[in-house]
Amino acid sequence: DTPGIAIGGLSVGEQAEVFNEYLNWT
């Protein structure tokens, strides 16, 4: 229950379609 939430662990060498899949899903 922190005031805001960040999505980490992306833009670490994956392809664009993988980034988008995991961003959207998360």
PDB file of all heavy atoms in Angstrom:
ATOM      1  N   ASP A   1       0.813  -1.219   0.000  1.00  0.00           N
ATOM      2  CA  ASP A   1       0.000   0.000   0.000  1.00  0.00           C
ATOM      3  C   ASP A   1       0.853   1.279   0.000  1.00  0.00           C
ATOM      4  O   ASP A   1       0.595   2.208   0.766  1.00  0.00           O
ATOM      5  CB  ASP A   1      -0.947  -0.008   1.208  1.00  0.00           C
ATOM      6  CG  ASP A   1      -2.065   1.027   1.073  1.00  0.00           C
ATOM      7  OD1 ASP A   1      -2.436   1.356  -0.075  1.00  0.00           O
ATOM      8  OD2 ASP A   1      -2.560   1.502   2.112  1.00  0.00           O
ATOM      9  N   THR A   2       1.846   1.320  -0.877  1.00  0.00           N
ATOM     10  CA  THR A   2       2.605   2.560  -1.057  1.00  0.00           C
ATOM     11  C   THR A   2       1.755   3.542  -1.872  1.00  0.00           C
ATOM     12  O   THR A   2       0.852   3.136  -2.605  1.00  0.00           O
ATOM     13  CB  THR A   2       3.931   2.280  -1.789  1.00  0.00           C
ATOM     14  OG1 THR A   2       3.670   1.561  -3.000  1.00  0.00           O
ATOM     15  CG2 THR A   2       4.871   1.472  -0.911  1.00  0.00           C
ATOM     16  N   PRO A   3       2.019   4.838  -1.770  1.00  0.00           N
ATOM     17  CA  PRO A   3       1.192   5.826  -2.481  1.00  0.00           C
ATOM     18  C   PRO A   3       1.137   5.628  -3.994  1.00  0.00           C
ATOM     19  O   PRO A   3       0.132   5.932  -4.634  1.00  0.00           O
ATOM     20  CB  PRO A   3       1.860   7.158  -2.120  1.00  0.00           C
ATOM     21  CG  PRO A   3       2.491   6.907  -0.782  1.00  0.00           C
ATOM     22  CD  PRO A   3       2.979   5.494  -0.851  1.00  0.00           C
ATOM     23  N   GLY A   4       2.232   5.146  -4.592  1.00  0.00           N
ATOM     24  CA  GLY A   4       2.259   4.905  -6.033  1.00  0.00           C
ATOM     25  C   GLY A   4       2.966   3.603  -6.331  1.00  0.00           C
ATOM     26  O   GLY A   4       3.609   3.000  -5.466  1.00  0.00           O
ATOM     27  N   ILE A   5       2.848   3.149  -7.587  1.00  0.00           N
ATOM     28  CA  ILE A   5       3.423   1.868  -7.994  1.00  0.00           C
ATOM     29  C   ILE A   5       4.194   2.041  -9.297  1.00  0.00           C
ATOM     30  O   ILE A   5       3.686   2.636 -10.252  1.00  0.00           O
ATOM     31  CB  ILE A   5       2.320   0.802  -8.186  1.00  0.00           C
ATOM     32  CG1 ILE A   5       1.576   0.557  -6.868  1.00  0.00           C
ATOM     33  CG2 ILE A   5       2.919  -0.502  -8.713  1.00  0.00           C
ATOM     34  CD1 ILE A   5       0.394  -0.392  -6.992  1.00  0.00           C
ATOM     35  N   ALA A   6       5.410   1.507  -9.314  1.00  0.00           N
ATOM     36  CA  ALA A   6       6.222   1.511 -10.528  1.00  0.00           C
ATOM     37  C   ALA A   6       6.316   0.105 -11.095  1.00  0.00           C
ATOM     38  O   ALA A   6       6.323  -0.875 -10.341  1.00  0.00           O
ATOM     39  CB  ALA A   6       7.626   2.043 -10.239  1.00  0.00           C
ATOM     40  N   ILE A   7       6.372   0.018 -12.416  1.00  0.00           N
ATOM     41  CA  ILE A   7       6.607  -1.255 -13.094  1.00  0.00           C
ATOM     42  C   ILE A   7       8.073  -1.288 -13.481  1.00  0.00           C
ATOM     43  O   ILE A   7       8.519  -0.510 -14.323  1.00  0.00           O
ATOM     44  CB  ILE A   7       5.710  -1.402 -14.335  1.00  0.00           C
ATOM     45  CG1 ILE A   7       4.232  -1.377 -13.928  1.00  0.00           C
ATOM     46  CG2 ILE A   7       6.040  -2.700 -15.077  1.00  0.00           C
ATOM     47  CD1 ILE A   7       3.278  -1.425 -15.114  1.00  0.00           C
ATOM     48  N   GLY A   8       8.837  -2.162 -12.848  1.00  0.00           N
ATOM     49  CA  GLY A   8      10.265  -2.266 -13.107  1.00  0.00           C
ATOM     50  C   GLY A   8      10.603  -3.486 -13.941  1.00  0.00           C
ATOM     51  O   GLY A   8       9.739  -4.253 -14.362  1.00  0.00           O
ATOM     52  N   GLY A   9      11.893  -3.656 -14.179  1.00  0.00           N
ATOM     53  CA  GLY A   9      12.364  -4.842 -14.878  1.00  0.00           C
ATOM     54  C   GLY A   9      12.047  -4.894 -16.349  1.00  0.00           C
ATOM     55  O   GLY A   9      12.050  -5.978 -16.946  1.00  0.00           O
ATOM     56  N   LEU A  10      11.776  -3.744 -16.955  1.00  0.00           N
ATOM     57  CA  LEU A  10      11.566  -3.673 -18.396  1.00  0.00           C
ATOM     58  C   LEU A  10      12.680  -2.828 -19.011  1.00  0.00           C
ATOM     59  O   LEU A  10      13.412  -2.146 -18.308  1.00  0.00           O
ATOM     60  CB  LEU A  10      10.196  -3.074 -18.713  1.00  0.00           C
ATOM     61  CG  LEU A  10       8.981  -3.853 -18.202  1.00  0.00           C
ATOM     62  CD1 LEU A  10       7.686  -3.095 -18.497  1.00  0.00           C
ATOM     63  CD2 LEU A  10       8.919  -5.245 -18.810  1.00  0.00           C
ATOM     64  N   SER A  11      12.796  -2.872 -20.340  1.00  0.00           N
ATOM     65  CA  SER A  11      13.899  -2.196 -21.038  1.00  0.00           C
ATOM     66  C   SER A  11      15.241  -2.704 -20.533  1.00  0.00           C
ATOM     67  O   SER A  11      16.165  -1.934 -20.266  1.00  0.00           O
ATOM     68  CB  SER A  11      13.814  -0.671 -20.864  1.00  0.00           C
ATOM     69  OG  SER A  11      12.685  -0.153 -21.506  1.00  0.00           O
ATOM     70  N   VAL A  12      15.348  -4.020 -20.386  1.00  0.00           N
ATOM     71  CA  VAL A  12      16.594  -4.636 -19.896  1.00  0.00           C
ATOM     72  C   VAL A  12      17.137  -5.639 -20.915  1.00  0.00           C
ATOM     73  O   VAL A  12      17.739  -6.643 -20.538  1.00  0.00           O
ATOM     74  CB  VAL A  12      16.375  -5.311 -18.518  1.00  0.00           C
ATOM     75  CG1 VAL A  12      16.191  -4.272 -17.436  1.00  0.00           C
ATOM     76  CG2 VAL A  12      15.186  -6.280 -18.551  1.00  0.00           C
ATOM     77  N   GLY A  13      16.881  -5.358 -22.202  1.00  0.00           N
ATOM     78  CA  GLY A  13      17.439  -6.205 -23.253  1.00  0.00           C
ATOM     79  C   GLY A  13      16.424  -6.988 -24.054  1.00  0.00           C
ATOM     80  O   GLY A  13      16.791  -7.667 -25.021  1.00  0.00           O
ATOM     81  N   GLU A  14      15.149  -6.888 -23.706  1.00  0.00           N
ATOM     82  CA  GLU A  14      14.110  -7.639 -24.417  1.00  0.00           C
ATOM     83  C   GLU A  14      13.686  -6.930 -25.700  1.00  0.00           C
ATOM     84  O   GLU A  14      13.907  -5.729 -25.863  1.00  0.00           O
ATOM     85  CB  GLU A  14      12.892  -7.854 -23.503  1.00  0.00           C
ATOM     86  CG  GLU A  14      11.999  -6.641 -23.289  1.00  0.00           C
ATOM     87  CD  GLU A  14      12.520  -5.649 -22.263  1.00  0.00           C
ATOM     88  OE1 GLU A  14      13.672  -5.799 -21.820  1.00  0.00           O
ATOM     89  OE2 GLU A  14      11.770  -4.724 -21.920  1.00  0.00           O
ATOM     90  N   GLN A  15      13.053  -7.682 -26.611  1.00  0.00           N
ATOM     91  CA  GLN A  15      12.532  -7.105 -27.838  1.00  0.00           C
ATOM     92  C   GLN A  15      11.284  -6.278 -27.541  1.00  0.00           C
ATOM     93  O   GLN A  15      10.628  -6.454 -26.511  1.00  0.00           O
ATOM     94  CB  GLN A  15      12.206  -8.201 -28.848  1.00  0.00           C
ATOM     95  CG  GLN A  15      13.428  -8.984 -29.312  1.00  0.00           C
ATOM     96  CD  GLN A  15      13.059 -10.128 -30.243  1.00  0.00           C
ATOM     97  OE1 GLN A  15      12.017 -10.750 -30.087  1.00  0.00           O
ATOM     98  NE2 GLN A  15      13.923 -10.398 -31.221  1.00  0.00           N
ATOM     99  N   ALA A  16      10.950  -5.375 -28.483  1.00  0.00           N
ATOM    100  CA  ALA A  16       9.844  -4.446 -28.272  1.00  0.00           C
ATOM    101  C   ALA A  16       8.526  -5.171 -28.015  1.00  0.00           C
ATOM    102  O   ALA A  16       7.742  -4.771 -27.147  1.00  0.00           O
ATOM    103  CB  ALA A  16       9.706  -3.514 -29.467  1.00  0.00           C
ATOM    104  N   GLU A  17       8.260  -6.246 -28.762  1.00  0.00           N
ATOM    105  CA  GLU A  17       6.990  -6.953 -28.579  1.00  0.00           C
ATOM    106  C   GLU A  17       6.905  -7.620 -27.208  1.00  0.00           C
ATOM    107  O   GLU A  17       5.822  -7.724 -26.618  1.00  0.00           O
ATOM    108  CB  GLU A  17       6.765  -7.987 -29.685  1.00  0.00           C
ATOM    109  CG  GLU A  17       7.841  -9.031 -29.839  1.00  0.00           C
ATOM    110  CD  GLU A  17       8.910  -8.639 -30.852  1.00  0.00           C
ATOM    111  OE1 GLU A  17       9.108  -7.432 -31.067  1.00  0.00           O
ATOM    112  OE2 GLU A  17       9.542  -9.559 -31.424  1.00  0.00           O
ATOM    113  N   VAL A  18       8.066  -8.053 -26.681  1.00  0.00           N
ATOM    114  CA  VAL A  18       8.083  -8.642 -25.332  1.00  0.00           C
ATOM    115  C   VAL A  18       7.847  -7.546 -24.299  1.00  0.00           C
ATOM    116  O   VAL A  18       7.081  -7.735 -23.339  1.00  0.00           O
ATOM    117  CB  VAL A  18       9.423  -9.368 -25.078  1.00  0.00           C
ATOM    118  CG1 VAL A  18       9.484  -9.896 -23.644  1.00  0.00           C
ATOM    119  CG2 VAL A  18       9.619 -10.498 -26.074  1.00  0.00           C
ATOM    120  N   PHE A  19       8.506  -6.415 -24.482  1.00  0.00           N
ATOM    121  CA  PHE A  19       8.276  -5.266 -23.594  1.00  0.00           C
ATOM    122  C   PHE A  19       6.792  -4.935 -23.534  1.00  0.00           C
ATOM    123  O   PHE A  19       6.204  -4.802 -22.444  1.00  0.00           O
ATOM    124  CB  PHE A  19       9.067  -4.060 -24.089  1.00  0.00           C
ATOM    125  CG  PHE A  19       8.806  -2.790 -23.314  1.00  0.00           C
ATOM    126  CD1 PHE A  19       9.650  -2.398 -22.298  1.00  0.00           C
ATOM    127  CD2 PHE A  19       7.705  -1.990 -23.603  1.00  0.00           C
ATOM    128  CE1 PHE A  19       9.408  -1.230 -21.571  1.00  0.00           C
ATOM    129  CE2 PHE A  19       7.452  -0.825 -22.888  1.00  0.00           C
ATOM    130  CZ  PHE A  19       8.312  -0.447 -21.873  1.00  0.00           C
ATOM    131  N   ASN A  20       6.172  -4.786 -24.693  1.00  0.00           N
ATOM    132  CA  ASN A  20       4.760  -4.397 -24.739  1.00  0.00           C
ATOM    133  C   ASN A  20       3.871  -5.435 -24.080  1.00  0.00           C
ATOM    134  O   ASN A  20       2.940  -5.099 -23.341  1.00  0.00           O
ATOM    135  CB  ASN A  20       4.328  -4.167 -26.185  1.00  0.00           C
ATOM    136  CG  ASN A  20       4.904  -2.887 -26.764  1.00  0.00           C
ATOM    137  OD1 ASN A  20       5.125  -1.917 -26.050  1.00  0.00           O
ATOM    138  ND2 ASN A  20       5.170  -2.879 -28.058  1.00  0.00           N
ATOM    139  N   GLU A  21       4.153  -6.708 -24.329  1.00  0.00           N
ATOM    140  CA  GLU A  21       3.339  -7.775 -23.737  1.00  0.00           C
ATOM    141  C   GLU A  21       3.378  -7.708 -22.222  1.00  0.00           C
ATOM    142  O   GLU A  21       2.330  -7.780 -21.552  1.00  0.00           O
ATOM    143  CB  GLU A  21       3.853  -9.139 -24.210  1.00  0.00           C
ATOM    144  CG  GLU A  21       3.120 -10.313 -23.560  1.00  0.00           C
ATOM    145  CD  GLU A  21       3.732 -11.670 -23.906  1.00  0.00           C
ATOM    146  OE1 GLU A  21       4.693 -11.700 -24.714  1.00  0.00           O
ATOM    147  OE2 GLU A  21       3.263 -12.674 -23.354  1.00  0.00           O
ATOM    148  N   TYR A  22       4.579  -7.556 -21.656  1.00  0.00           N
ATOM    149  CA  TYR A  22       4.703  -7.576 -20.198  1.00  0.00           C
ATOM    150  C   TYR A  22       4.287  -6.252 -19.562  1.00  0.00           C
ATOM    151  O   TYR A  22       3.791  -6.240 -18.429  1.00  0.00           O
ATOM    152  CB  TYR A  22       6.124  -7.982 -19.794  1.00  0.00           C
ATOM    153  CG  TYR A  22       6.274  -9.486 -19.793  1.00  0.00           C
ATOM    154  CD1 TYR A  22       6.520 -10.171 -20.982  1.00  0.00           C
ATOM    155  CD2 TYR A  22       6.112 -10.220 -18.632  1.00  0.00           C
ATOM    156  CE1 TYR A  22       6.615 -11.562 -21.006  1.00  0.00           C
ATOM    157  CE2 TYR A  22       6.206 -11.606 -18.629  1.00  0.00           C
ATOM    158  CZ  TYR A  22       6.452 -12.268 -19.822  1.00  0.00           C
ATOM    159  OH  TYR A  22       6.529 -13.637 -19.830  1.00  0.00           O
ATOM    160  N   LEU A  23       4.449  -5.163 -20.271  1.00  0.00           N
ATOM    161  CA  LEU A  23       3.926  -3.894 -19.765  1.00  0.00           C
ATOM    162  C   LEU A  23       2.406  -3.948 -19.689  1.00  0.00           C
ATOM    163  O   LEU A  23       1.811  -3.631 -18.653  1.00  0.00           O
ATOM    164  CB  LEU A  23       4.360  -2.741 -20.667  1.00  0.00           C
ATOM    165  CG  LEU A  23       3.656  -1.395 -20.401  1.00  0.00           C
ATOM    166  CD1 LEU A  23       3.933  -0.899 -18.998  1.00  0.00           C
ATOM    167  CD2 LEU A  23       4.060  -0.359 -21.432  1.00  0.00           C
ATOM    168  N   ASN A  24       1.778  -4.357 -20.787  1.00  0.00           N
ATOM    169  CA  ASN A  24       0.317  -4.385 -20.840  1.00  0.00           C
ATOM    170  C   ASN A  24      -0.243  -5.337 -19.796  1.00  0.00           C
ATOM    171  O   ASN A  24      -1.232  -5.035 -19.103  1.00  0.00           O
ATOM    172  CB  ASN A  24      -0.155  -4.792 -22.233  1.00  0.00           C
ATOM    173  CG  ASN A  24       0.358  -3.860 -23.320  1.00  0.00           C
ATOM    174  OD1 ASN A  24       0.933  -2.815 -23.039  1.00  0.00           O
ATOM    175  ND2 ASN A  24       0.170  -4.241 -24.573  1.00  0.00           N
ATOM    176  N   TRP A  25       0.380  -6.501 -19.678  1.00  0.00           N
ATOM    177  CA  TRP A  25      -0.131  -7.510 -18.749  1.00  0.00           C
ATOM    178  C   TRP A  25       0.063  -7.066 -17.299  1.00  0.00           C
ATOM    179  O   TRP A  25      -0.839  -7.210 -16.477  1.00  0.00           O
ATOM    180  CB  TRP A  25       0.581  -8.840 -18.989  1.00  0.00           C
ATOM    181  CG  TRP A  25      -0.066  -9.982 -18.264  1.00  0.00           C
ATOM    182  CD1 TRP A  25      -1.194 -10.666 -18.633  1.00  0.00           C
ATOM    183  CD2 TRP A  25       0.363 -10.552 -17.025  1.00  0.00           C
ATOM    184  NE1 TRP A  25      -1.481 -11.628 -17.694  1.00  0.00           N
ATOM    185  CE2 TRP A  25      -0.543 -11.591 -16.707  1.00  0.00           C
ATOM    186  CE3 TRP A  25       1.421 -10.305 -16.171  1.00  0.00           C
ATOM    187  CZ2 TRP A  25      -0.422 -12.374 -15.573  1.00  0.00           C
ATOM    188  CZ3 TRP A  25       1.553 -11.079 -15.030  1.00  0.00           C
ATOM    189  CH2 TRP A  25       0.647 -12.098 -14.734  1.00  0.00           C
ATOM    190  N   THR A  26       1.230  -6.508 -16.982  1.00  0.00           N
ATOM    191  CA  THR A  26       1.480  -6.060 -15.613  1.00  0.00           C
ATOM    192  C   THR A  26       0.556  -4.904 -15.235  1.00  0.00           C
ATOM    193  O   THR A  26       0.027  -4.857 -14.111  1.00  0.00           O
ATOM    194  CB  THR A  26       2.948  -5.636 -15.436  1.00  0.00           C
ATOM    195  OG1 THR A  26       3.809  -6.688 -15.886  1.00  0.00           O
ATOM    196  CG2 THR A  26       3.246  -5.323 -13.980  1.00  0.00           C
TER     197      THR A  26
END
